[in-house]
Amino acid sequence: MALNPLVDSRDVRFVLFELLNVDKLNKYSKYSDFDKETFEDTLNLAEKMAVEAFYPVNADGDKIGAQYNPETKEVKIPECYREPYKAFIESGFLASSSEPEIGGMGLPISITIACSEYFNAANTSLCMYPGLTHGASMLINSYGSDEQKKLYLEKMVSGQWSGTMCLTEAEAGSDVGNIKTKAVKQSDGTYLITGQKIFISAGDHDLTENIIHPVLARIDGDPEGTGGISIFIVPKIMVNSDGSLGDKNDVSCAGIEHKMGIKGSATCTLAFGDNGKCIGYLLGEPRKGLKVMFQMMNEARLGVGLQGLSLSSSAYMHSITYAKTRIQGSHVTKMLEPNAPKVPIIQHPDVKRMLLWMKSYVEGMRTFTYYLSNCIDLSETLEGDEAKEYHGIVELLTPICKAGNSDLSWLVTSEAIQVYGGYGFISDYPVEQLARDSKIQSLYEGTNAIQSMDLTMRKILMNPEMYNYNVWKKKVNETIKTASGIVDEKYITPIKKGLEKFDEVLTMMKGQLDAGKFLHLFMNATNLGKAMFDLVLAWCHLWNLTLTIPKMKELVGDAKGADRGKILKENNEAAFYCGKVLSSQFFIATELPKFFGKIDAILCGETSVIKATDEIFTGAIEE
């Protein structure tokens, strides 16, 4: 299968069908109507639409951006987004994993995630609109009354109406419990909503005829803190009982942000109830708003991890194309020959190192992200202890996927710029936009520090008997056992030692928790999250090696030198598996050692962070 500028489609198939056996999910009744051919057709369609419709408008959407009219208080999306969006929803991708009963395709989430990699690699900004709509519609599907589902669900699932997530406020970003938006109950059971939300992605636009806002607010008289928060359905345009559109609700856009990246996605400040007439409808039970919203938040965190993979993949694929076609310098073995022919920069050792570094991380992220989505499928399909185990793995790995992939996408896109040299810094080439688009991922849907604190405290140390961590560790040990006899011990031993060192850190941190040393725990949470991400990717690569080494030996045998080169040039499958083996070996041998440095930094007990008072940070200036 030929490479496209966005995603290595052969690797997509490897992870889905050779590693995860997603095509075997049809043995369960939930997916019995699907087969591998259907999955392949869906992936092929996603790739075609991404390459031919989403990608061609990516640069223009970035240059034009979302536009705000202060007189009408309305937002216009880049006009070039309309046709790709229309094709996307008409093909059913917005609700590809939703139940057929509500208008979805009912696909496994793992297939949906793979399709989404294509779309996000092509145009992350455009993907924000349907992505948020899907999350908001699933909240209504899970918690809405029959009447609410009847009014909103069909038109959201179809993409006729869109949705948002209205959580953040100026004084309540990461501190959700501090929200000031208020809801006052009316005699007819509705609520009047007053307040302001900021940084609302897709908060206002003209892409759809209506926008349905799930809004966190505190019912007048309810307690402060997270326990007093409820959630409300607030339509931009009121919906009549027959489903038709009525009058405009008292919701307005006060402005949009001028951002570093994802410029085609409107990031809005929304004012609710400036005229005292904003009507909202309680979604679910009072004071359960955060629980309801967390369904969407967890889905969004996997989505952000997917964005990190997608932009990294696009940056890597563009870098390959550039490095193979950019002619500069002679080969290092002939650098002393004045008339030596110039060669493509991919033949220079350091460029090759950069590409292999990118390849190893992208392939590790892809295995990790697809595996996590497959665990969601299995947790919702299996029963009893098996379902519980996969649910535990999902709980554990979601914050790692969000934080790890998003941190890494900033580094991978930066490395892509380095491959391009000075041209990478210029907007005529695509990689500088990919870098700008990637940075937001470590900030939204809970900053990466919050992900690390969540991982350290709730998902590991405070999880009863560290169940989540232990069921994942069992999976790693199973891979280690399978690898024995297939993979050289020098690639297995570092992962064994990695687990031992991680257990050592957790034992120390468990003691700190019992002693109430919370400052020690929180100052090391980010390092712990980064270290575990390294270990997870190394495990993914070891798992890959258990399959790729036998396949490489089957296709290449003992061939070396020119004979080996001839096989790789003539046989795409041999080149693919050989590349996979080298990628995994490279990661375990040269990147996993950094894990041990992070672990040692935690174990050393350095307390400079705790000792650092406000006064030591000098040089503050007024802004």
Foldseek 3Di string as FASTA:
>chain_A
DDDDLFFDVVLLCCLCCVQVNVQVVLVFVLNVVDHVVNLVVLLVVLLCLLRPQQQVCQLVQWVVFWDADQVVLAIAFPPSLQVSVVVCLVVQLLQQCPDVVLPHVNDFLLSSLSSVLSNLLRHVLSVLWSLQLSLVLVLCVVFNDPLSCVQPNNCSSSVQETEWEFQADPVPHVNRLQDAWEWEADPVQKTAIFDKGFQIWPPGYDSHPKYWYWHKHFYPPADGGLQRIFIWTFIQFDADSVNDTDHGAQKGWNDFDDALASRSITGTMMGGCPVRGGIIHTTHDGSCHVVSVVSSLLVVLLVLLSSLLRLLSSLLSNLVVQQQPDWDAAQPVCNVPPPGGTHRNCNHVVLVVLSLQSVLVSSLSSSLSSVLSVLVSQLVRDDDPRVVLSVLLNQQCSLLSQQVSLVVSLVSLVSSLVSVPPVSVDSVDPSVNSNSHSNCSCPPSNHSLRSLVCNQDVSALPDVVRSSVVSVVVVLVVLLVLLVPQDPVVLSVLLVVLVVLLVVLSVVVNVCVVVVVVVLSSVLSSLNSNLVSLSSSLSSLSSLSSPLRVVLCVQQNPDDDPSSVVSVVVPVSNVVSVSSNSSSVCSSVPPNVVSVVSSVVSVVPDDVVVVDDPVVDDDDDDD
